[in-house]
Amino acid sequence: MTSNPKVRWAPLPRTELLVYWLLSFGSHFYSFYELHRFSKEHEAGLDRQFQLETGLVQGFKRDASDFEWNFWTEWAHKSLLWTLTGHALLSRFCCIFYPQFRVAALTVYGLLAAVGVLGLRGVGVLLLHVVLSFSVAQLRRSALCWACNLLLLCTLHVPPLQDIQRGWYERDEEYYLLLFSVAVGTLRLLSFSLERCGRPAVHAGTFPQLCWLLSYTFYHPFFYNGPVITYNDFVEQMQTPVEEGERHKPGARYLLLRSARILMWWCMAEFMIHVTYMHAIQSNETYLEILPAWALGGLALALVQFFFVKYLVLFGLPSTLATLDRLDPPGLPRCVSIMYSFTGMWRYIYVPLGGSHRGVPRKMFSTALAFGFVCLWHGGHDYLRCWALMNWLGVLVETGLKALLDSALLRSFFERHSSAAARRRLAALLSAFSTAALILSNLIFLGGIHVGRIFWRRVFLQGLPNRATSAWNRLICPPKSQPVVVSLDSAGSWPHRCRYPSTGFCRVPPFFFFFF
């Protein structure tokens, strides 16, 4: 049940592991294939409703329904790639000729790049947030710092302010870029404030601290979308002497391989939205209802895998540029197919936010605060509250179950009556339920409550309880072949009734192959 990398499980026979790998990869690829088939069979209807774009490869269309991917791809082509390239060239130039002015030059460059995209008024909002948060941080009261930064974050959801800020821009996409910048900037301001409260300042004096906060806030590679590193880490690493930094600077081979990996991830993301129209399908409940069971599992896998690959690109490029500035950015996201624990996934949020180990009630409360903050930062919508609640309950259940299994009584019982290999299989079986719940919560996060409700009903209420009964009925009375009945009228409207036959064992999508 734990994802602690220090755990050493007992070895299993190679043949058994091979069977698990084959089942896992086979279920992945077959479910993706079924989703691809469904996408192609209903391409005309999806195109009428969602206006699929002409694909980059002849003969394929492109699903452009994922707002975030298309938003950042458009901005990358328009300006971000050019400004990031300018940042890299300026950084290298300063390292060679004027190392003492490198931080100041990068700060000014970040401010000018932000003005070029957000305008003076947009950058003025950010500077106002910086001044307010900096002023409150001087009081060195963590409660006040939290309150100040949460209030600044909540200003993104005040309708009159939204209307004013929208009026500054000709297109909604420019306003959204301001929202992203303010939201990510709030995380950096919160980091500075809490570092100021809990640890001695890296720089003494008010003015040097303000200058470093501006450099931290407007550091261009991390400015719009992260990732986020702590304030003290940023300052300490940016102050690394040039001679020492040059010794530890990544070489050309590393940068070439890292760039090739980012390009490969981008190609993978584009490949996924060319061969499967996952985001268009999830946006219509009728398609979710008529998806074959394996295609339904493939849709769940494709959505979470695309989200993972997308952020490998969105975090990978800025992180690579940050290494040129001798920064040590956070690790890239982990593949969702190897995440089998709520606590393993969320320790990256809970621990940095100060996870409590002072008893169960305190731990429950601090965990709830951590998820509450994540929910509020993402917008606080109803589906986000549902998602946060599921993850909070998942962490509590896993923590309680782990404590129970680690008790002296149960541990001695399992050690007496089972082998180490059997205990590993039991842990894998229990982790399968965590994996299924993780996927369900991620589907709610990515698609909304209606998507999670359909998956819950089709997989857990209709699929699993009827699995044994359906398989038995197929053995006793094999059903006759029944075609899928889906028709669109000439105007492309949705049918009044759609029918898909029961498929027995295959009603269960391949979620539970993950624990192998």
Protein backbone atom coordinates (compact mmCIF):
# COMPACT_ATOMS: atom_id res chain seq x y z
CA MET A 1 0.00 0.00 0.00
CA THR A 2 2.94 2.31 0.28
CA SER A 3 4.83 3.99 -2.51
CA ASN A 4 7.95 4.52 -0.40
CA PRO A 5 10.92 3.79 -2.69
CA LYS A 6 12.84 2.29 0.26
CA VAL A 7 10.43 -0.64 0.55
CA ARG A 8 11.98 -3.88 -0.69
CA TRP A 9 9.44 -6.41 -1.84
CA ALA A 10 10.13 -10.11 -2.07
CA PRO A 11 11.06 -11.29 -5.57
CA LEU A 12 8.45 -13.11 -7.64
CA PRO A 13 9.03 -15.78 -10.31
CA ARG A 14 10.04 -14.29 -13.62
CA THR A 15 7.28 -16.15 -15.44
CA GLU A 16 4.68 -14.66 -13.13
CA LEU A 17 6.08 -11.15 -13.62
CA LEU A 18 6.11 -11.69 -17.39
CA VAL A 19 2.42 -12.64 -17.29
CA TYR A 20 1.64 -9.50 -15.29
CA TRP A 21 3.55 -7.29 -17.75
CA LEU A 22 1.82 -8.88 -20.72
CA LEU A 23 -1.61 -8.46 -19.12
CA SER A 24 -0.87 -4.84 -18.21
CA PHE A 25 0.54 -3.76 -21.56
CA GLY A 26 -1.97 -5.87 -23.45
CA SER A 27 -4.91 -4.29 -21.66
CA HIS A 28 -3.45 -0.81 -22.23
CA PHE A 29 -2.90 -1.24 -25.95
CA TYR A 30 -6.13 -3.10 -26.63
CA SER A 31 -8.22 -0.50 -24.79
CA PHE A 32 -6.46 2.29 -26.74
CA TYR A 33 -7.15 0.41 -29.96
CA GLU A 34 -10.84 0.10 -29.11
CA LEU A 35 -11.01 3.83 -28.35
CA HIS A 36 -9.31 4.55 -31.69
CA ARG A 37 -11.88 2.39 -33.49
CA PHE A 38 -14.75 4.14 -31.77
CA SER A 39 -13.25 7.55 -32.60
CA LYS A 40 -12.98 6.68 -36.29
CA GLU A 41 -16.46 5.14 -36.45
CA HIS A 42 -18.02 8.33 -35.03
CA GLU A 43 -15.65 10.82 -36.62
CA ALA A 44 -18.35 12.46 -38.72
CA GLY A 45 -20.64 13.11 -35.74
CA LEU A 46 -17.78 14.37 -33.59
CA ASP A 47 -16.64 16.66 -36.39
CA ARG A 48 -20.13 18.17 -36.74
CA GLN A 49 -20.42 18.86 -33.04
CA PHE A 50 -16.86 19.79 -32.05
CA GLN A 51 -15.31 20.97 -35.36
CA LEU A 52 -12.30 18.70 -35.41
CA GLU A 53 -9.28 20.41 -36.95
CA THR A 54 -7.37 19.25 -40.00
CA GLY A 55 -4.63 16.98 -38.70
CA LEU A 56 -0.90 17.50 -39.05
CA VAL A 57 -0.81 14.15 -40.88
CA GLN A 58 -2.89 13.64 -44.00
CA GLY A 59 -5.91 11.43 -43.42
CA PHE A 60 -6.22 12.30 -39.72
CA LYS A 61 -8.19 14.94 -37.89
CA ARG A 62 -7.09 16.63 -34.69
CA ASP A 63 -9.14 16.88 -31.52
CA ALA A 64 -8.66 20.46 -30.34
CA SER A 65 -11.11 20.21 -27.42
CA ASP A 66 -8.47 20.35 -24.69
CA PHE A 67 -8.32 24.05 -23.85
CA GLU A 68 -5.07 24.00 -21.92
CA TRP A 69 -3.02 22.19 -24.56
CA ASN A 70 -4.29 24.39 -27.38
CA PHE A 71 -3.90 27.55 -25.30
CA TRP A 72 -0.22 26.95 -24.51
CA THR A 73 0.54 25.60 -27.97
CA GLU A 74 -0.85 28.75 -29.55
CA TRP A 75 1.07 31.04 -27.19
CA ALA A 76 4.25 29.05 -27.70
CA HIS A 77 4.02 29.57 -31.47
CA LYS A 78 3.08 33.20 -31.05
CA SER A 79 5.64 34.48 -28.56
CA LEU A 80 6.69 32.22 -25.67
CA LEU A 81 9.21 30.16 -27.60
CA TRP A 82 10.87 33.35 -28.81
CA THR A 83 10.97 35.01 -25.40
CA LEU A 84 12.29 31.82 -23.78
CA THR A 85 15.01 31.66 -26.41
CA GLY A 86 15.86 35.28 -25.67
CA HIS A 87 16.10 34.48 -21.96
CA ALA A 88 18.53 31.61 -22.64
CA LEU A 89 20.74 33.79 -24.89
CA LEU A 90 20.77 36.68 -22.41
CA SER A 91 21.62 34.35 -19.53
CA ARG A 92 24.52 32.83 -21.43
CA PHE A 93 25.77 36.24 -22.55
CA CYS A 94 25.78 37.57 -18.98
CA CYS A 95 27.49 34.43 -17.63
CA ILE A 96 30.36 34.94 -20.06
CA PHE A 97 30.83 38.72 -20.03
CA TYR A 98 28.94 40.26 -17.07
CA PRO A 99 28.25 37.60 -14.42
CA GLN A 100 27.76 40.23 -11.71
CA PHE A 101 24.76 41.66 -13.61
CA ARG A 102 23.16 38.35 -14.59
CA VAL A 103 20.36 38.33 -11.98
CA ALA A 104 19.49 42.00 -12.57
CA ALA A 105 19.47 41.52 -16.35
CA LEU A 106 17.21 38.46 -16.14
CA THR A 107 14.85 40.32 -13.79
CA VAL A 108 14.53 43.28 -16.17
CA TYR A 109 14.10 40.91 -19.12
CA GLY A 110 11.34 39.02 -17.30
CA LEU A 111 9.52 42.28 -16.51
CA LEU A 112 9.76 43.49 -20.11
CA ALA A 113 8.62 40.11 -21.47
CA ALA A 114 5.64 40.19 -19.11
CA VAL A 115 4.76 43.75 -20.20
CA GLY A 116 4.94 42.69 -23.83
CA VAL A 117 2.31 40.00 -23.27
CA LEU A 118 0.19 41.21 -20.34
CA GLY A 119 0.51 44.96 -20.87
CA LEU A 120 1.35 47.59 -18.28
CA ARG A 121 -1.94 47.17 -16.43
CA GLY A 122 -1.56 43.40 -16.17
CA VAL A 123 1.98 43.71 -14.80
CA GLY A 124 0.70 46.48 -12.51
CA VAL A 125 -1.71 43.97 -10.93
CA LEU A 126 1.17 41.60 -10.29
CA LEU A 127 3.34 44.35 -8.83
CA LEU A 128 0.49 45.38 -6.54
CA HIS A 129 0.23 41.78 -5.30
CA VAL A 130 3.99 41.70 -4.74
CA VAL A 131 3.96 44.90 -2.68
CA LEU A 132 0.98 43.81 -0.54
CA SER A 133 2.34 40.34 0.12
CA PHE A 134 5.83 41.67 0.83
CA SER A 135 4.45 44.21 3.30
CA VAL A 136 2.44 41.62 5.22
CA ALA A 137 5.42 39.23 5.25
CA GLN A 138 7.45 41.81 7.18
CA LEU A 139 5.13 41.18 10.15
CA ARG A 140 6.35 37.56 10.19
CA ARG A 141 2.97 36.10 11.12
CA SER A 142 2.17 33.00 9.10
CA ALA A 143 -1.59 33.30 9.66
CA LEU A 144 -1.58 36.84 8.27
CA CYS A 145 0.54 35.74 5.30
CA TRP A 146 -1.86 32.93 4.48
CA ALA A 147 -4.86 35.27 4.81
CA CYS A 148 -3.28 37.95 2.62
CA ASN A 149 -2.29 35.59 -0.19
CA LEU A 150 -5.59 33.72 -0.12
CA LEU A 151 -7.44 37.03 -0.42
CA LEU A 152 -5.23 37.99 -3.35
CA LEU A 153 -6.01 34.65 -4.96
CA CYS A 154 -9.74 35.16 -4.41
CA THR A 155 -9.64 38.43 -6.34
CA LEU A 156 -9.47 36.29 -9.49
CA HIS A 157 -13.09 35.28 -8.85
CA VAL A 158 -14.62 38.71 -8.12
CA PRO A 159 -16.98 39.46 -11.07
CA PRO A 160 -16.49 43.27 -11.15
CA LEU A 161 -12.69 42.84 -11.20
CA GLN A 162 -13.00 40.15 -13.86
CA ASP A 163 -15.02 42.50 -16.07
CA ILE A 164 -12.49 45.31 -15.66
CA GLN A 165 -9.51 43.08 -16.44
CA ARG A 166 -11.24 41.49 -19.42
CA GLY A 167 -11.73 44.96 -20.84
CA TRP A 168 -7.97 45.46 -20.95
CA TYR A 169 -7.54 42.83 -23.67
CA GLU A 170 -8.94 42.25 -27.11
CA ARG A 171 -9.07 38.46 -26.76
CA ASP A 172 -10.09 36.22 -23.89
CA GLU A 173 -6.84 34.24 -24.29
CA GLU A 174 -4.83 37.28 -23.22
CA TYR A 175 -6.99 37.65 -20.11
CA TYR A 176 -6.54 33.95 -19.33
CA LEU A 177 -2.78 34.43 -19.48
CA LEU A 178 -3.12 37.10 -16.80
CA LEU A 179 -5.13 34.68 -14.67
CA PHE A 180 -2.48 31.98 -15.01
CA SER A 181 0.28 34.45 -14.16
CA VAL A 182 -1.49 35.77 -11.06
CA ALA A 183 -2.38 32.27 -9.82
CA VAL A 184 1.16 30.92 -10.19
CA GLY A 185 2.56 34.18 -8.84
CA THR A 186 0.47 33.73 -5.68
CA LEU A 187 2.27 30.45 -5.01
CA ARG A 188 5.61 32.22 -5.24
CA LEU A 189 4.47 35.04 -2.98
CA LEU A 190 3.21 32.49 -0.46
CA SER A 191 6.58 30.72 -0.57
CA PHE A 192 8.41 33.98 0.12
CA SER A 193 6.05 34.89 2.95
CA LEU A 194 6.30 31.55 4.72
CA GLU A 195 10.07 31.43 4.26
CA ARG A 196 10.21 34.89 5.80
CA CYS A 197 8.14 33.71 8.77
CA GLY A 198 9.89 30.40 9.40
CA ARG A 199 13.54 30.85 8.45
CA PRO A 200 16.14 33.65 8.57
CA ALA A 201 16.11 35.76 5.45
CA VAL A 202 18.72 34.89 2.85
CA HIS A 203 19.36 38.62 2.44
CA ALA A 204 19.23 41.10 5.27
CA GLY A 205 17.59 44.43 4.57
CA THR A 206 14.22 45.31 3.13
CA PHE A 207 15.34 46.59 -0.27
CA PRO A 208 17.51 43.56 -1.18
CA GLN A 209 14.65 41.25 -0.18
CA LEU A 210 12.23 43.18 -2.40
CA CYS A 211 14.66 43.02 -5.33
CA TRP A 212 15.09 39.28 -4.93
CA LEU A 213 11.33 38.83 -4.64
CA LEU A 214 10.88 40.67 -7.95
CA SER A 215 13.54 38.48 -9.55
CA TYR A 216 11.83 35.37 -8.12
CA THR A 217 8.37 36.46 -9.24
CA PHE A 218 9.30 37.51 -12.77
CA TYR A 219 11.82 34.75 -13.55
CA HIS A 220 10.69 34.20 -17.11
CA PRO A 221 10.86 30.39 -17.63
CA PHE A 222 8.65 29.80 -14.55
CA PHE A 223 6.53 32.96 -14.82
CA TYR A 224 3.37 31.82 -16.61
CA ASN A 225 2.82 28.20 -15.64
CA GLY A 226 5.57 27.04 -13.30
CA PRO A 227 6.89 24.76 -12.02
CA VAL A 228 7.42 26.45 -8.67
CA ILE A 229 10.53 26.25 -6.51
CA THR A 230 10.80 27.79 -3.06
CA TYR A 231 12.09 31.31 -2.60
CA ASN A 232 15.15 30.40 -0.54
CA ASP A 233 16.17 27.67 -3.01
CA PHE A 234 15.87 30.15 -5.88
CA VAL A 235 18.01 32.77 -4.19
CA GLU A 236 20.67 30.34 -2.98
CA GLN A 237 21.00 28.66 -6.36
CA MET A 238 21.02 31.90 -8.34
CA GLN A 239 23.85 33.14 -6.08
CA THR A 240 26.05 30.17 -6.93
CA PRO A 241 29.45 31.53 -8.05
CA VAL A 242 29.96 31.44 -11.80
CA GLU A 243 33.06 29.25 -11.54
CA GLU A 244 31.28 26.63 -9.44
CA GLY A 245 28.17 26.88 -11.60
CA GLU A 246 30.18 26.28 -14.76
CA ARG A 247 31.58 23.07 -13.29
CA HIS A 248 28.08 21.77 -12.53
CA LYS A 249 26.36 23.24 -15.57
CA PRO A 250 24.68 20.61 -17.78
CA GLY A 251 26.66 19.78 -20.86
CA ALA A 252 25.63 19.99 -24.48
CA ARG A 253 24.87 16.26 -24.57
CA TYR A 254 22.44 16.58 -21.66
CA LEU A 255 20.68 19.56 -23.23
CA LEU A 256 20.42 17.80 -26.58
CA LEU A 257 18.95 14.66 -25.02
CA ARG A 258 16.56 16.68 -22.85
CA SER A 259 15.37 18.69 -25.86
CA ALA A 260 14.86 15.48 -27.83
CA ARG A 261 12.78 14.07 -24.98
CA ILE A 262 10.58 17.19 -24.86
CA LEU A 263 10.07 16.97 -28.62
CA MET A 264 9.19 13.28 -28.27
CA TRP A 265 6.64 14.09 -25.54
CA TRP A 266 5.10 16.79 -27.74
CA CYS A 267 4.84 14.33 -30.63
CA MET A 268 3.24 11.77 -28.30
CA ALA A 269 0.63 14.28 -27.13
CA GLU A 270 -0.19 15.28 -30.70
CA PHE A 271 -0.32 11.61 -31.74
CA MET A 272 -2.86 10.88 -29.01
CA ILE A 273 -5.26 13.65 -30.08
CA HIS A 274 -4.93 12.61 -33.72
CA VAL A 275 -5.74 8.92 -33.32
CA THR A 276 -8.29 9.25 -30.49
CA TYR A 277 -10.79 12.06 -30.04
CA MET A 278 -10.82 11.60 -26.28
CA HIS A 279 -11.67 15.14 -25.22
CA ALA A 280 -14.54 15.44 -27.69
CA ILE A 281 -15.97 12.10 -26.57
CA GLN A 282 -15.80 12.96 -22.87
CA SER A 283 -17.66 16.22 -23.55
CA ASN A 284 -20.82 14.40 -24.66
CA GLU A 285 -22.68 12.05 -22.33
CA THR A 286 -24.30 10.14 -25.18
CA TYR A 287 -20.94 8.95 -26.43
CA LEU A 288 -19.92 8.02 -22.89
CA GLU A 289 -23.05 5.91 -22.57
CA ILE A 290 -22.55 3.99 -25.82
CA LEU A 291 -18.80 3.44 -25.55
CA PRO A 292 -17.92 -0.27 -25.50
CA ALA A 293 -16.45 -1.37 -22.20
CA TRP A 294 -12.87 -1.69 -23.41
CA ALA A 295 -13.11 1.67 -25.20
CA LEU A 296 -14.46 3.17 -21.97
CA GLY A 297 -11.38 1.91 -20.15
CA GLY A 298 -9.22 3.21 -22.99
CA LEU A 299 -10.83 6.63 -22.64
CA ALA A 300 -10.01 6.76 -18.93
CA LEU A 301 -6.43 5.72 -19.61
CA ALA A 302 -6.04 8.12 -22.52
CA LEU A 303 -7.33 11.12 -20.55
CA VAL A 304 -5.01 10.66 -17.59
CA GLN A 305 -2.04 9.72 -19.79
CA PHE A 306 -2.54 12.77 -21.99
CA PHE A 307 -2.66 14.97 -18.89
CA PHE A 308 0.63 13.43 -17.77
CA VAL A 309 2.36 13.85 -21.15
CA LYS A 310 1.01 17.39 -21.50
CA TYR A 311 2.72 18.49 -18.31
CA LEU A 312 5.92 16.73 -19.23
CA VAL A 313 6.04 19.24 -22.08
CA LEU A 314 4.72 22.27 -20.18
CA PHE A 315 7.11 21.72 -17.23
CA GLY A 316 9.92 20.08 -19.17
CA LEU A 317 10.84 23.04 -21.39
CA PRO A 318 11.04 25.69 -18.62
CA SER A 319 12.87 23.25 -16.33
CA THR A 320 15.48 22.63 -19.02
CA LEU A 321 16.07 26.36 -19.42
CA ALA A 322 16.28 26.76 -15.64
CA THR A 323 19.14 24.27 -15.48
CA LEU A 324 21.13 26.67 -17.70
CA ASP A 325 20.77 29.21 -14.88
CA ARG A 326 22.10 26.64 -12.39
CA LEU A 327 18.69 26.14 -10.83
CA ASP A 328 17.52 22.75 -9.63
CA PRO A 329 13.83 22.63 -10.62
CA PRO A 330 11.36 20.14 -9.14
CA GLY A 331 11.17 16.70 -10.70
CA LEU A 332 8.82 16.20 -13.63
CA PRO A 333 5.44 14.54 -13.11
CA ARG A 334 5.42 10.79 -12.58
CA CYS A 335 3.61 8.45 -14.94
CA VAL A 336 0.07 7.88 -13.70
CA SER A 337 0.19 4.21 -14.64
CA ILE A 338 2.72 3.55 -11.88
CA MET A 339 0.87 5.56 -9.23
CA TYR A 340 -1.03 3.15 -7.01
CA SER A 341 -1.40 5.14 -3.81
CA PHE A 342 -3.10 8.37 -2.75
CA THR A 343 -0.40 9.04 -0.18
CA GLY A 344 2.31 8.36 -2.75
CA MET A 345 0.79 10.85 -5.17
CA TRP A 346 0.00 13.64 -2.72
CA ARG A 347 3.08 13.58 -0.51
CA TYR A 348 4.50 16.09 -3.02
CA ILE A 349 1.80 18.54 -1.89
CA TYR A 350 1.15 17.51 1.70
CA VAL A 351 4.77 17.41 2.91
CA PRO A 352 5.83 20.82 1.46
CA LEU A 353 2.71 22.37 3.01
CA GLY A 354 3.89 21.15 6.39
CA GLY A 355 2.16 17.81 6.84
CA SER A 356 1.48 17.12 10.49
CA HIS A 357 2.60 14.03 12.36
CA ARG A 358 1.14 15.12 15.71
CA GLY A 359 -1.62 12.58 16.07
CA VAL A 360 -4.49 11.42 13.90
CA PRO A 361 -6.88 14.40 14.41
CA ARG A 362 -4.14 16.93 13.64
CA LYS A 363 -3.09 14.93 10.60
CA MET A 364 -6.68 14.75 9.31
CA PHE A 365 -7.07 18.50 9.75
CA SER A 366 -3.78 19.42 8.08
CA THR A 367 -4.50 17.04 5.20
CA ALA A 368 -7.91 18.66 4.72
CA LEU A 369 -6.25 22.09 4.65
CA ALA A 370 -3.77 20.95 2.04
CA PHE A 371 -6.48 19.65 -0.28
CA GLY A 372 -8.66 22.66 0.44
CA PHE A 373 -5.87 24.97 -0.70
CA VAL A 374 -5.28 22.93 -3.87
CA CYS A 375 -9.03 23.04 -4.59
CA LEU A 376 -9.23 26.81 -4.04
CA TRP A 377 -6.13 27.46 -6.16
CA HIS A 378 -7.68 25.58 -9.08
CA GLY A 379 -10.90 27.59 -8.83
CA GLY A 380 -12.99 25.99 -6.07
CA HIS A 381 -15.71 24.69 -8.42
CA ASP A 382 -18.09 21.92 -7.36
CA TYR A 383 -16.24 19.19 -9.27
CA LEU A 384 -12.97 20.32 -7.67
CA ARG A 385 -14.51 20.06 -4.22
CA CYS A 386 -15.66 16.54 -5.05
CA TRP A 387 -12.19 15.68 -6.36
CA ALA A 388 -10.47 17.10 -3.26
CA LEU A 389 -12.85 15.24 -0.95
CA MET A 390 -12.18 11.94 -2.73
CA ASN A 391 -8.44 12.41 -2.46
CA TRP A 392 -8.66 13.43 1.18
CA LEU A 393 -10.72 10.34 2.00
CA GLY A 394 -8.33 8.20 -0.03
CA VAL A 395 -5.34 9.45 1.96
CA LEU A 396 -7.14 8.85 5.26
CA VAL A 397 -8.28 5.34 4.31
CA GLU A 398 -4.82 4.37 3.09
CA THR A 399 -3.16 5.81 6.19
CA GLY A 400 -5.57 3.98 8.48
CA LEU A 401 -5.26 0.70 6.59
CA LYS A 402 -1.48 0.94 6.58
CA ALA A 403 -1.45 1.56 10.34
CA LEU A 404 -3.73 -1.46 10.81
CA LEU A 405 -1.59 -3.75 8.66
CA ASP A 406 1.58 -2.53 10.39
CA SER A 407 0.20 -3.34 13.84
CA ALA A 408 2.12 -5.97 15.76
CA LEU A 409 -0.83 -8.39 15.84
CA LEU A 410 -1.51 -8.43 12.09
CA ARG A 411 2.14 -8.31 11.17
CA SER A 412 2.92 -11.38 13.23
CA PHE A 413 -0.17 -13.13 11.81
CA PHE A 414 0.87 -12.54 8.20
CA GLU A 415 4.47 -13.48 8.90
CA ARG A 416 3.35 -16.79 10.39
CA HIS A 417 0.69 -17.72 7.82
CA SER A 418 1.97 -16.27 4.54
CA SER A 419 5.16 -15.97 2.58
CA ALA A 420 6.82 -12.70 1.61
CA ALA A 421 5.73 -13.23 -1.99
CA ALA A 422 2.11 -13.72 -0.90
CA ARG A 423 2.24 -10.49 1.10
CA ARG A 424 3.50 -8.70 -2.00
CA ARG A 425 0.56 -10.06 -4.01
CA LEU A 426 -1.86 -8.98 -1.28
CA ALA A 427 -0.40 -5.45 -1.30
CA ALA A 428 -0.79 -5.37 -5.08
CA LEU A 429 -4.41 -6.48 -4.82
CA LEU A 430 -5.20 -3.78 -2.25
CA SER A 431 -3.38 -1.19 -4.35
CA ALA A 432 -5.63 -2.04 -7.30
CA PHE A 433 -8.56 -0.46 -5.47
CA SER A 434 -6.51 2.67 -4.77
CA THR A 435 -5.56 2.81 -8.45
CA ALA A 436 -9.19 2.57 -9.55
CA ALA A 437 -10.22 5.29 -7.09
CA LEU A 438 -7.31 7.49 -8.22
CA ILE A 439 -8.37 7.17 -11.85
CA LEU A 440 -11.98 7.96 -10.94
CA SER A 441 -10.95 11.09 -9.01
CA ASN A 442 -8.72 12.21 -11.89
CA LEU A 443 -11.59 11.74 -14.33
CA ILE A 444 -13.71 14.03 -12.17
CA PHE A 445 -10.87 16.57 -12.16
CA LEU A 446 -10.40 16.40 -15.93
CA GLY A 447 -13.99 15.97 -17.11
CA GLY A 448 -16.30 17.07 -14.33
CA ILE A 449 -18.76 15.32 -12.04
CA HIS A 450 -20.92 14.04 -14.92
CA VAL A 451 -17.97 12.11 -16.37
CA GLY A 452 -17.13 10.60 -12.98
CA ARG A 453 -20.77 9.68 -12.42
CA ILE A 454 -21.00 7.81 -15.72
CA PHE A 455 -17.76 5.94 -15.09
CA TRP A 456 -18.89 5.08 -11.56
CA ARG A 457 -22.18 3.71 -12.76
CA ARG A 458 -20.88 1.80 -15.78
CA VAL A 459 -17.76 0.37 -14.15
CA PHE A 460 -18.49 -0.05 -10.46
CA LEU A 461 -22.28 -0.40 -10.32
CA GLN A 462 -23.06 -2.11 -13.61
CA GLY A 463 -19.72 -3.69 -14.52
CA LEU A 464 -18.27 -5.27 -11.40
CA PRO A 465 -21.44 -6.59 -9.70
CA ASN A 466 -22.61 -8.20 -12.92
CA ARG A 467 -19.26 -9.60 -13.94
CA ALA A 468 -19.69 -13.09 -12.52
CA THR A 469 -23.38 -13.26 -13.47
CA SER A 470 -22.73 -12.12 -17.03
CA ALA A 471 -19.86 -14.55 -17.50
CA TRP A 472 -22.00 -17.41 -16.16
CA ASN A 473 -24.91 -16.48 -18.43
CA ARG A 474 -22.60 -16.43 -21.43
CA LEU A 475 -21.47 -19.96 -20.60
CA ILE A 476 -25.03 -21.25 -20.17
CA CYS A 477 -26.72 -19.25 -22.97
CA PRO A 478 -24.31 -17.55 -25.35
CA PRO A 479 -26.04 -14.36 -26.58
CA LYS A 480 -26.71 -13.74 -30.19
CA SER A 481 -24.72 -11.08 -31.93
CA GLN A 482 -26.32 -7.66 -31.49
CA PRO A 483 -25.13 -4.61 -33.38
CA VAL A 484 -24.71 -1.19 -31.93
CA VAL A 485 -27.65 0.98 -32.89
CA VAL A 486 -26.54 4.60 -33.21
CA SER A 487 -28.00 6.90 -35.82
CA LEU A 488 -27.80 10.58 -36.55
CA ASP A 489 -30.37 12.37 -38.61
CA SER A 490 -29.46 14.52 -41.58
CA ALA A 491 -29.00 17.55 -39.34
CA GLY A 492 -26.55 15.67 -37.14
CA SER A 493 -28.75 15.69 -34.00
CA TRP A 494 -28.42 13.06 -31.33
CA PRO A 495 -30.56 9.89 -31.42
CA HIS A 496 -33.44 9.45 -29.01
CA ARG A 497 -32.24 5.98 -28.09
CA CYS A 498 -28.90 4.23 -28.34
CA ARG A 499 -28.38 0.59 -27.58
CA TYR A 500 -25.27 -1.41 -26.91
CA PRO A 501 -25.53 -5.08 -25.95
CA SER A 502 -24.19 -6.56 -22.77
CA THR A 503 -20.76 -8.04 -23.31
CA GLY A 504 -20.33 -10.09 -20.19
CA PHE A 505 -16.79 -10.17 -18.88
CA CYS A 506 -15.70 -7.34 -21.17
CA ARG A 507 -18.08 -4.97 -19.38
CA VAL A 508 -15.21 -4.50 -16.91
CA PRO A 509 -12.63 -2.04 -18.30
CA PRO A 510 -8.99 -2.84 -17.68
CA PHE A 511 -8.52 -0.70 -14.55
CA PHE A 512 -7.57 -3.59 -12.32
CA PHE A 513 -4.67 -4.76 -14.43
CA PHE A 514 -2.69 -1.78 -13.07
CA PHE A 515 -1.68 -3.43 -9.82
CA PHE A 516 0.54 -5.91 -11.66
